[in-house]
Every structure is written in structure tokens, then in C-alpha cells.
Protein backbone atom coordinates (compact mmCIF):
# COMPACT_ATOMS: atom_id res chain seq x y z
CA MET A 1 -16.07 -23.17 -18.20
CA THR A 2 -12.61 -21.97 -17.15
CA ARG A 3 -11.48 -24.01 -14.14
CA ILE A 4 -8.42 -23.69 -11.93
CA SER A 5 -5.94 -26.52 -12.41
CA ARG A 6 -3.14 -25.54 -10.04
CA VAL A 7 -1.60 -22.68 -8.04
CA GLU A 8 2.04 -21.57 -7.79
CA LEU A 9 3.25 -19.45 -4.86
CA THR A 10 6.68 -17.87 -5.15
CA PRO A 11 8.08 -15.74 -2.31
CA VAL A 12 10.51 -13.08 -3.50
CA ALA A 13 12.80 -10.46 -1.99
CA PHE A 14 13.70 -7.16 -3.65
CA ALA A 15 16.07 -4.41 -2.60
CA ASP A 16 14.58 -1.74 -0.32
CA PRO A 17 16.28 1.50 0.82
CA PRO A 18 16.72 2.41 4.52
CA LEU A 19 13.46 4.33 4.83
CA LEU A 20 12.69 5.56 8.35
CA ASN A 21 9.33 5.42 10.09
CA VAL A 22 7.72 5.46 13.52
CA VAL A 23 8.62 1.84 14.32
CA GLY A 24 12.14 1.77 12.88
CA VAL A 25 13.64 1.45 9.42
CA HIS A 26 13.08 -0.68 6.33
CA GLU A 27 15.34 -3.70 6.08
CA PRO A 28 17.61 -4.20 3.03
CA TYR A 29 14.97 -6.37 1.36
CA ALA A 30 11.20 -6.20 1.12
CA LEU A 31 9.27 -9.47 0.82
CA ARG A 32 6.32 -10.35 -1.43
CA THR A 33 4.61 -13.50 -2.63
CA ILE A 34 3.80 -13.82 -6.34
CA VAL A 35 0.65 -15.86 -6.96
CA GLN A 36 0.13 -17.67 -10.26
CA VAL A 37 -3.24 -19.35 -10.76
CA HIS A 38 -3.30 -21.74 -13.74
CA THR A 39 -6.45 -22.86 -15.55
CA ASP A 40 -7.25 -26.01 -17.49
CA ASP A 41 -7.35 -24.02 -20.74
CA GLY A 42 -3.86 -22.56 -20.34
CA LEU A 43 -4.55 -19.15 -18.82
CA VAL A 44 -2.49 -17.82 -15.91
CA GLY A 45 -3.75 -15.18 -13.48
CA LEU A 46 -1.36 -13.09 -11.40
CA GLY A 47 -1.62 -11.80 -7.85
CA GLU A 48 0.79 -10.26 -5.34
CA THR A 49 0.70 -10.21 -1.56
CA TYR A 50 2.78 -10.28 1.64
CA ALA A 51 5.33 -13.02 2.32
CA ALA A 52 5.65 -13.50 6.08
CA ASP A 53 5.87 -17.18 6.96
CA ASP A 54 2.47 -17.37 8.65
CA HIS A 55 0.81 -15.66 5.68
CA LEU A 56 2.52 -18.07 3.28
CA GLU A 57 1.12 -21.01 5.22
CA ARG A 58 -2.39 -19.62 4.88
CA LEU A 59 -1.88 -19.04 1.17
CA LYS A 60 -0.71 -22.63 0.75
CA ALA A 61 -3.68 -23.99 2.68
CA VAL A 62 -6.11 -22.15 0.41
CA ALA A 63 -4.18 -23.12 -2.74
CA GLY A 64 -4.93 -26.74 -1.95
CA VAL A 65 -8.71 -26.29 -2.26
CA LEU A 66 -8.77 -24.19 -5.43
CA PRO A 67 -8.34 -26.82 -8.20
CA GLU A 68 -11.60 -27.32 -10.14
CA LEU A 69 -12.98 -23.94 -9.01
CA ASP A 70 -14.65 -21.95 -11.80
CA ALA A 71 -12.42 -18.89 -12.30
CA PHE A 72 -15.53 -16.70 -12.63
CA ASP A 73 -17.03 -17.81 -9.29
CA LEU A 74 -15.63 -15.22 -6.88
CA ASN A 75 -18.34 -15.94 -4.29
CA GLU A 76 -17.26 -19.58 -4.12
CA LEU A 77 -13.62 -18.45 -3.91
CA ARG A 78 -14.45 -16.38 -0.84
CA ARG A 79 -16.42 -19.25 0.71
CA ARG A 80 -13.50 -21.64 0.26
CA VAL A 81 -11.04 -19.16 1.76
CA ARG A 82 -13.24 -18.71 4.82
CA ASP A 83 -13.82 -22.44 5.18
CA VAL A 84 -10.08 -23.11 5.21
CA LEU A 85 -9.09 -20.29 7.53
CA THR A 86 -10.18 -19.71 11.08
CA ALA A 87 -10.56 -16.12 12.29
CA GLY A 88 -7.72 -14.75 14.35
CA GLY A 89 -5.38 -11.78 14.49
CA THR A 90 -2.62 -11.56 11.92
CA LYS A 91 0.23 -9.09 11.48
CA VAL A 92 1.02 -8.29 7.86
CA GLY A 93 4.17 -6.27 8.49
CA GLY A 94 4.93 -2.80 9.75
CA MET A 95 2.18 -1.54 12.03
CA LEU A 96 -1.03 -3.21 10.84
CA ASN A 97 -2.81 -5.79 12.99
CA LEU A 98 -5.84 -7.12 11.15
CA GLN A 99 -8.77 -8.77 12.87
CA ASP A 100 -9.25 -11.62 10.39
CA PRO A 101 -6.71 -13.03 7.93
CA ALA A 102 -9.37 -14.19 5.46
CA ASP A 103 -9.59 -10.95 3.49
CA VAL A 104 -5.77 -10.69 3.35
CA VAL A 105 -5.54 -14.20 1.89
CA LEU A 106 -8.55 -13.71 -0.39
CA SER A 107 -7.10 -10.61 -2.05
CA PRO A 108 -4.28 -12.02 -4.25
CA TYR A 109 -6.44 -14.94 -5.35
CA GLU A 110 -9.32 -12.64 -6.28
CA VAL A 111 -6.94 -10.40 -8.26
CA ALA A 112 -5.55 -13.47 -10.05
CA LEU A 113 -9.04 -14.69 -10.94
CA LEU A 114 -10.01 -11.26 -12.26
CA ASP A 115 -6.81 -11.35 -14.34
CA ILE A 116 -7.92 -14.73 -15.72
CA GLN A 117 -11.43 -13.45 -16.43
CA GLY A 118 -10.07 -10.48 -18.32
CA LYS A 119 -7.77 -12.70 -20.38
CA ALA A 120 -10.62 -15.11 -21.15
CA LEU A 121 -12.86 -12.25 -22.29
CA GLY A 122 -10.16 -10.16 -23.96
CA ARG A 123 -10.98 -7.20 -21.69
CA PRO A 124 -8.94 -5.25 -19.11
CA VAL A 125 -9.78 -5.72 -15.42
CA VAL A 126 -11.05 -2.13 -15.21
CA ASP A 127 -13.93 -3.16 -17.48
CA LEU A 128 -14.83 -6.00 -15.11
CA LEU A 129 -15.00 -3.44 -12.29
CA GLY A 130 -17.56 -1.29 -14.09
CA GLY A 131 -15.45 0.61 -16.59
CA ALA A 132 -12.88 3.38 -16.40
CA VAL A 133 -13.97 6.77 -15.04
CA ARG A 134 -10.44 8.08 -15.67
CA GLU A 135 -7.87 7.10 -18.28
CA SER A 136 -4.91 7.48 -15.92
CA VAL A 137 -4.54 7.37 -12.16
CA PRO A 138 -2.68 10.11 -10.24
CA PHE A 139 -0.18 9.06 -7.58
CA SER A 140 1.72 11.09 -4.98
CA ALA A 141 5.45 11.45 -4.43
CA TYR A 142 6.00 9.36 -1.29
CA LEU A 143 8.86 10.94 0.66
CA PHE A 144 10.75 9.36 3.55
CA TYR A 145 13.38 10.39 5.99
CA LYS A 146 16.18 7.99 5.18
CA TRP A 147 19.79 7.10 5.75
CA ALA A 148 22.29 7.53 2.93
CA ALA A 149 22.66 3.73 2.80
CA HIS A 150 22.11 0.58 4.78
CA PRO A 151 24.92 0.00 7.30
CA GLY A 152 27.97 -1.32 5.48
CA ALA A 153 26.41 -0.93 2.03
CA GLU A 154 27.23 1.43 -0.83
CA LEU A 155 25.42 4.76 -1.06
CA ASP A 156 22.13 4.56 -2.92
CA GLU A 157 20.97 6.96 -5.64
CA TRP A 158 18.65 8.90 -3.31
CA GLY A 159 21.14 9.99 -0.69
CA GLU A 160 20.48 10.98 2.90
CA ALA A 161 17.34 12.86 3.96
CA VAL A 162 17.21 13.66 7.68
CA ASP A 163 16.32 17.36 7.58
CA PRO A 164 14.08 19.73 5.57
CA GLY A 165 16.79 20.36 3.00
CA GLY A 166 17.26 16.66 2.36
CA ILE A 167 13.51 16.13 2.06
CA VAL A 168 13.21 18.95 -0.50
CA LEU A 169 16.07 17.49 -2.55
CA GLN A 170 14.39 14.08 -2.44
CA ALA A 171 11.13 15.65 -3.63
CA ARG A 172 12.90 17.45 -6.48
CA LYS A 173 14.40 14.18 -7.73
CA MET A 174 11.12 12.29 -7.47
CA ILE A 175 9.09 15.02 -9.17
CA ARG A 176 11.70 15.49 -11.88
CA GLU A 177 11.67 11.77 -12.71
CA TYR A 178 7.96 10.99 -12.25
CA GLY A 179 6.11 14.30 -12.55
CA PHE A 180 4.06 13.98 -9.35
CA THR A 181 1.69 16.84 -8.48
CA ALA A 182 1.01 15.67 -4.89
CA ILE A 183 3.53 15.00 -2.12
CA LYS A 184 3.28 12.84 1.00
CA LEU A 185 5.87 12.83 3.79
CA LYS A 186 6.21 9.84 6.08
CA GLY A 187 6.59 11.41 9.52
CA GLY A 188 6.75 10.13 13.08
CA VAL A 189 10.54 9.94 12.89
CA PHE A 190 11.62 13.25 14.40
CA ALA A 191 10.01 15.74 16.79
CA PRO A 192 6.79 17.24 15.34
CA ASP A 193 8.21 20.77 15.06
CA ARG A 194 11.02 19.44 12.90
CA GLU A 195 8.58 17.63 10.61
CA VAL A 196 6.34 20.71 10.38
CA GLU A 197 9.44 22.59 9.24
CA ALA A 198 9.92 20.03 6.47
CA ILE A 199 6.31 20.41 5.28
CA LEU A 200 6.65 24.19 5.23
CA ALA A 201 9.89 23.84 3.24
CA LEU A 202 8.04 21.64 0.74
CA ALA A 203 5.21 24.18 0.52
CA ASP A 204 7.74 26.90 -0.23
CA ALA A 205 9.56 24.81 -2.84
CA PHE A 206 6.43 23.38 -4.47
CA PRO A 207 3.62 25.94 -4.00
CA GLU A 208 1.34 24.28 -6.57
CA HIS A 209 1.62 20.77 -5.13
CA LYS A 210 -0.86 19.21 -2.72
CA LEU A 211 0.81 18.13 0.51
CA ARG A 212 0.11 15.61 3.25
CA ILE A 213 1.98 14.10 6.20
CA ASP A 214 1.61 10.73 7.91
CA PRO A 215 3.27 10.28 11.34
CA ASN A 216 1.63 6.85 11.87
CA GLY A 217 0.09 7.70 15.24
CA ALA A 218 3.30 9.15 16.71
CA TRP A 219 1.62 12.15 18.33
CA THR A 220 -0.67 12.73 21.28
CA VAL A 221 -4.07 14.31 20.69
CA ASP A 222 -2.89 17.73 21.86
CA THR A 223 0.19 17.63 19.63
CA SER A 224 -1.95 16.49 16.69
CA VAL A 225 -4.26 19.46 17.17
CA LYS A 226 -1.31 21.84 17.45
CA VAL A 227 0.24 20.55 14.21
CA ALA A 228 -3.12 20.61 12.42
CA ARG A 229 -3.55 24.26 13.31
CA GLU A 230 -0.01 25.10 12.19
CA LEU A 231 -0.55 23.37 8.85
CA ASP A 232 -4.14 24.48 8.24
CA GLY A 233 -4.30 25.68 4.65
CA VAL A 234 -0.96 24.02 3.84
CA ILE A 235 -1.89 20.32 3.75
CA GLU A 236 -4.87 18.68 2.05
CA TYR A 237 -5.20 16.17 4.88
CA LEU A 238 -3.41 14.93 8.00
CA GLU A 239 -3.02 11.16 8.08
CA ASP A 240 -3.11 9.15 11.34
CA PRO A 241 -1.60 11.76 13.65
CA THR A 242 -2.68 9.85 16.76
CA PRO A 243 -3.76 6.24 17.47
CA THR A 244 -7.30 4.81 17.76
CA ILE A 245 -10.72 5.89 16.55
CA ASP A 246 -11.37 7.70 19.83
CA GLY A 247 -8.12 9.64 19.58
CA MET A 248 -8.76 10.61 15.96
CA ALA A 249 -12.31 11.68 16.85
CA GLU A 250 -11.00 14.01 19.53
CA VAL A 251 -8.56 15.59 17.08
CA ALA A 252 -11.32 15.92 14.47
CA ARG A 253 -13.51 17.80 16.97
CA ARG A 254 -10.73 20.37 17.50
CA THR A 255 -9.56 21.06 13.95
CA ASP A 256 -10.98 21.68 10.50
CA VAL A 257 -8.11 19.89 8.74
CA PRO A 258 -9.44 16.62 7.25
CA LEU A 259 -8.05 13.51 8.93
CA ALA A 260 -7.16 10.42 6.90
CA THR A 261 -6.42 6.89 8.06
CA ASN A 262 -5.12 3.51 7.13
CA MET A 263 -4.47 2.55 10.75
CA CYS A 264 -7.65 2.96 12.79
CA VAL A 265 -9.99 1.92 9.95
CA ILE A 266 -8.48 -1.11 8.22
CA ALA A 267 -11.41 -3.54 8.25
CA PHE A 268 -15.16 -3.33 7.65
CA ASP A 269 -15.88 -3.73 11.38
CA HIS A 270 -14.09 -0.42 11.98
CA LEU A 271 -16.31 1.63 9.69
CA LYS A 272 -19.40 1.92 11.89
CA PRO A 273 -17.63 3.23 15.02
CA ALA A 274 -15.52 5.58 12.90
CA VAL A 275 -18.59 7.02 11.17
CA LEU A 276 -20.51 7.41 14.43
CA ALA A 277 -17.57 9.22 16.02
CA ASP A 278 -16.83 11.29 12.87
CA ALA A 279 -13.23 10.23 13.48
CA VAL A 280 -11.92 10.33 9.91
CA GLN A 281 -12.81 12.22 6.78
CA VAL A 282 -10.65 10.24 4.32
CA VAL A 283 -10.17 6.46 4.26
CA LEU A 284 -7.09 5.05 2.56
CA SER A 285 -8.13 1.80 0.95
CA ASP A 286 -5.71 -1.05 0.25
CA HIS A 287 -6.94 -4.06 -1.70
CA HIS A 288 -4.23 -6.23 -0.14
CA TYR A 289 -6.04 -6.30 3.20
CA TRP A 290 -9.59 -5.15 2.40
CA GLY A 291 -10.24 -8.39 0.49
CA GLY A 292 -9.36 -7.60 -3.10
CA LEU A 293 -10.73 -5.29 -5.76
CA ARG A 294 -14.47 -5.90 -5.46
CA ARG A 295 -14.50 -5.58 -1.68
CA SER A 296 -12.48 -2.39 -2.07
CA GLN A 297 -15.29 -1.16 -4.31
CA LEU A 298 -17.71 -2.02 -1.49
CA LEU A 299 -15.57 0.12 0.82
CA ALA A 300 -15.72 2.94 -1.74
CA GLY A 301 -19.50 2.72 -1.78
CA ILE A 302 -19.70 2.93 2.01
CA CYS A 303 -17.40 5.97 2.00
CA ASP A 304 -19.55 7.60 -0.65
CA THR A 305 -22.72 6.92 1.36
CA PHE A 306 -21.34 8.58 4.49
CA GLY A 307 -19.57 11.45 2.73
CA MET A 308 -16.05 10.23 3.49
CA GLY A 309 -13.20 10.90 1.09
CA LEU A 310 -11.20 8.06 -0.43
CA SER A 311 -7.56 7.59 -1.34
CA MET A 312 -5.26 4.56 -1.54
CA HIS A 313 -2.58 3.29 0.85
CA SER A 314 0.67 1.66 -0.23
CA ASN A 315 3.25 -0.70 1.19
CA SER A 316 6.49 -1.79 -0.51
CA HIS A 317 5.22 -3.50 -3.66
CA LEU A 318 6.00 -4.66 -7.19
CA GLY A 319 4.35 -4.18 -10.57
CA ILE A 320 1.51 -6.69 -10.22
CA SER A 321 0.22 -4.70 -7.25
CA LEU A 322 0.66 -1.39 -9.09
CA ALA A 323 -1.35 -2.74 -12.02
CA ALA A 324 -4.15 -3.93 -9.71
CA MET A 325 -4.16 -0.60 -7.85
CA THR A 326 -4.37 1.29 -11.14
CA HIS A 327 -7.31 -0.74 -12.48
CA LEU A 328 -9.16 -0.35 -9.18
CA ALA A 329 -8.54 3.39 -8.88
CA ALA A 330 -9.56 3.93 -12.51
CA ALA A 331 -12.92 2.28 -11.84
CA THR A 332 -13.66 4.10 -8.55
CA PRO A 333 -15.55 7.37 -9.18
CA ASN A 334 -15.19 8.79 -5.65
CA LEU A 335 -11.44 8.21 -5.31
CA MET A 336 -10.61 11.91 -5.44
CA TYR A 337 -7.10 12.07 -3.94
CA ALA A 338 -3.81 11.01 -5.52
CA CYS A 339 -2.92 7.47 -4.43
CA ASP A 340 0.16 6.49 -2.44
CA THR A 341 2.79 4.25 -3.99
CA HIS A 342 6.24 2.97 -3.01
CA TYR A 343 6.93 2.01 -6.64
CA PRO A 344 9.61 4.67 -7.33
CA TRP A 345 11.70 3.27 -4.45
CA LYS A 346 12.13 -0.17 -6.00
CA THR A 347 14.93 -1.11 -8.40
CA GLU A 348 13.77 -4.67 -9.22
CA ASP A 349 10.52 -6.15 -10.48
CA VAL A 350 8.91 -9.41 -11.61
CA ILE A 351 7.00 -8.02 -14.60
CA LYS A 352 8.29 -7.25 -18.07
CA PRO A 353 8.83 -3.52 -18.65
CA GLY A 354 6.88 -1.32 -21.01
CA VAL A 355 3.34 -1.34 -19.63
CA LEU A 356 3.42 0.66 -16.39
CA ALA A 357 4.82 4.16 -16.71
CA PHE A 358 4.36 7.42 -14.82
CA ARG A 359 3.34 10.35 -16.99
CA SER A 360 2.95 13.69 -15.20
CA GLY A 361 2.57 11.78 -11.94
CA SER A 362 -0.12 9.44 -13.23
CA VAL A 363 -0.16 5.86 -14.51
CA PRO A 364 -2.25 5.22 -17.63
CA VAL A 365 -4.58 2.27 -17.18
CA PRO A 366 -3.13 -0.82 -18.92
CA ASP A 367 -5.37 -1.69 -21.87
CA GLY A 368 -4.29 -5.28 -22.41
CA PRO A 369 -6.50 -8.18 -21.31
CA GLY A 370 -6.67 -8.82 -17.57
CA LEU A 371 -4.19 -6.80 -15.52
CA GLY A 372 -2.29 -6.10 -18.74
CA VAL A 373 1.11 -7.05 -17.33
CA GLU A 374 3.28 -10.08 -18.11
CA LEU A 375 5.42 -12.01 -15.65
CA ASP A 376 9.16 -12.12 -16.32
CA ALA A 377 10.08 -15.72 -15.45
CA ASP A 378 13.81 -15.01 -15.23
CA ALA A 379 13.30 -12.02 -12.91
CA LEU A 380 10.92 -14.05 -10.78
CA GLY A 381 13.54 -16.77 -10.41
CA GLU A 382 16.26 -14.28 -9.50
CA LEU A 383 14.15 -12.57 -6.85
CA HIS A 384 13.12 -15.95 -5.43
CA GLU A 385 16.80 -16.89 -5.11
CA GLN A 386 17.34 -13.54 -3.42
CA TYR A 387 14.55 -14.43 -0.97
CA LEU A 388 16.21 -17.75 -0.16
CA ALA A 389 19.60 -16.10 0.31
CA CYS A 390 18.64 -12.99 2.30
CA GLY A 391 17.32 -14.92 5.31
CA LEU A 392 14.40 -12.58 6.01
CA ARG A 393 11.05 -14.25 6.58
CA LYS A 394 8.96 -11.37 7.90
CA ARG A 395 9.14 -7.59 8.01
CA ASP A 396 10.48 -6.25 11.30
CA ASP A 397 11.49 -2.57 11.09
CA THR A 398 11.98 -2.35 14.88
CA ALA A 399 14.38 -5.28 15.16
CA TYR A 400 16.43 -3.95 12.26
CA MET A 401 16.63 -0.49 13.83
CA ARG A 402 17.71 -2.03 17.15
CA SER A 403 20.55 -3.83 15.36
CA VAL A 404 21.90 -0.34 14.68
CA ASP A 405 20.54 1.48 17.75
CA PRO A 406 19.93 -1.02 20.59
CA GLY A 407 18.07 1.57 22.67
CA PHE A 408 15.51 2.42 20.00
CA THR A 409 11.86 2.55 21.10
CA PRO A 410 8.95 2.83 18.60
CA ASN A 411 7.53 6.33 18.72
CA THR A 412 3.79 5.61 18.76
CA ALA A 413 2.03 8.46 20.64
CA ARG A 414 5.39 9.50 22.04
CA TRP A 415 5.14 13.21 21.24
């Protein structure tokens, strides 16, 4: 029996560009926690999650009850997580308020235990999830309006993108370097007409690419319907144009463009009202807050049952998360849309290079045991020192934007 002996939690900070969104702008560093679960027979499982102070405290509380747990007993893992944590709202960064922190805390530990199981058996995680239905996983080019640099910093390699021309140039660079065949634009930053213009410019520049836009609930219902009609036949889906299940349902009744979400359906309790209201046609899963890989497969099954499409959401992440996302997507038959990823935006990582690579916009499934990636101890130490030095302890895009523009107001349902 493979039992847990100890757990290491290492918060890290890695450089993040000034990417604009509905609630502000990304700070100079993004935060993550790297989870290492050690076993009594020398195996180490890896997980990755958020790093806000309150989340770290929950992770530490659970770490204390994991020694002696059988690494194959995922049901007991979930029971221990729930016994330690009490239900209550938690904010994981950006715009997501989750009803119960248990699934968010469960996720990195479950991923780490699956990594251990795969290493013990000599099989990749995708095999533990039922086997690969695809050998590589397609991802989308994730475009952002952005500043040329953080205030006072040197220009970054991506340059400024605050108009359609800048967005097209950004897309050209990303597609040239990664080969993406789908494109997503993070909207909600400028007036809707201006963002529609950017999508039409992308459609003209990349007529064979599938397009989507995500304004993170920045628009009213009427504006959402107007944009949907203008982009009908141009985009494959419209993501979270307006807040709430009721708002999305009203938009869905007035347009044929499929609506996607990772804002109004982000927990299992949200699925029933969303299905009854026919509010969304595509759910963007995210194992970091749906409770790990197996519970994400449960979500996939529910979507399949009710005829809902499935894609994958992304937040700023490192290679352990990309590996987990790739294994999960490879084992999910009804995940039919290219997944989101922030991975091209990062310049630092905690894993050794050579395993994860984009080929024609897709990531081949790692074939090594477990997740198939190896931690770089030196890089982990450097990014932990960067965490200690940067002073950030939670993500707050709005506060950072107000440090530059004191009058800034988040744009949720503004237009």
C-alpha cells in the first residue's frame, strides 16, 4: 500500500504581462501554490493551485490530516477535505466567487494523488481517467487587450494591443509561434462596438480560424443580443456576455449563437437551474475549482446527458496545471472545443522543459508515468523567492488598475 508521508506547499510568483479585463489589469506577478505529496515508498505527486493567503491556510489545514492516507483512496481524500473545511464563500482571484472552498482545496491534492498512482503503476494519468480518446489536445490562442508594459517597466515582447490592429498583430505572433487554429479574445475592456470591430478584423485576417469573445459579463442583455446578432456566423460561441443564469437565459432566448460560461455555472449546484432555464449551451470546465479531474469528468457526463457542449477555462497557470488539463481533456470524449490556456503568456515555470510543447496549436498528451512532468527544484526555489519578494498575497486586478487610474470602475454589465 502506498501511503502519504508528508506534504510540501510552496507558494510561487511568476511574471505576468499587463493584460486588461473587465475588472482591471493583471498585476506584474501571478501567484500559484505548488503541492508536493510524498509517499512512504519515495514517490512524489505534483499539484498546482491558487495562492491567496486564505486558500493557503485551507491547504495547510488539509495537509495536516493527509499522512497515512492510502494514495489510491480518493474517496477518503475527499472525506478528509470536507471534514477539515467548513462550507463558506471563497474568492479564488479575478471574478469567481465559489460557494464552497472544499472542491477548490480538493483539486490539487487529487491531481497529486493521481500523479502518484500513475507513477506507482507506470501509467500516464490519462489511462487512469479511462484512456485517451485523442493523442493531442487543441488549445486556442488567448488574446488580451494589453498595455505595452507595466508602469515603469521595460517593454515586453508582445507590445501594446488596445485596438483591432494591435489585436491582429498579437494573434499573428501567437499563431506563428504556437500554431493555434482557434482564437479567443478577452473583451469587456472597451465599448462593445470597438470589440466587435476587433473580432471582425480577426475574421478577416484569419478566415479559417474559429473565433470566440469573452467580455466577462460586461454587457446588458440588450447589448449582448445586439452583439450576438452582429457576430452570428462569425463566432463559434459567445462567452458570458451578461451576468447571472437569468440574464444568460434571456440572451439565449433571443439569439441562435451558442452561449458559453465559466461565470454563472461554476459549481454543481448551478447546473440544474442553468439546464432548466436553457441558459448556456457550452460549459467551460476548470479542474481547479470543480474538484479535480474525476469530478470534472462527472461534469462532462452531466453536460453530455443534457446536450451541453464542453470546453475548458484557464487562469494564469504553470506547467503542472497544463499537464493536468491535457490529460483530462484527452480522456473526455465530449470536449469538442479547443481549450483555453494562458500558458503562452508566461516566461517562467517550475517544471523541467521538454515534455509540454504546442504542435499546430495542440499539446500531445505526456506519455510518462503520472502527469509525465518533472519538478525543477532550482526553478521552484527561485519562484518562491520571487513570491516572498514581490509582496503580493492575492490577486486584485481592480486595486492594481486603480493604482494607475484612481477613478477606474469595474465594467460588469456597464454597457
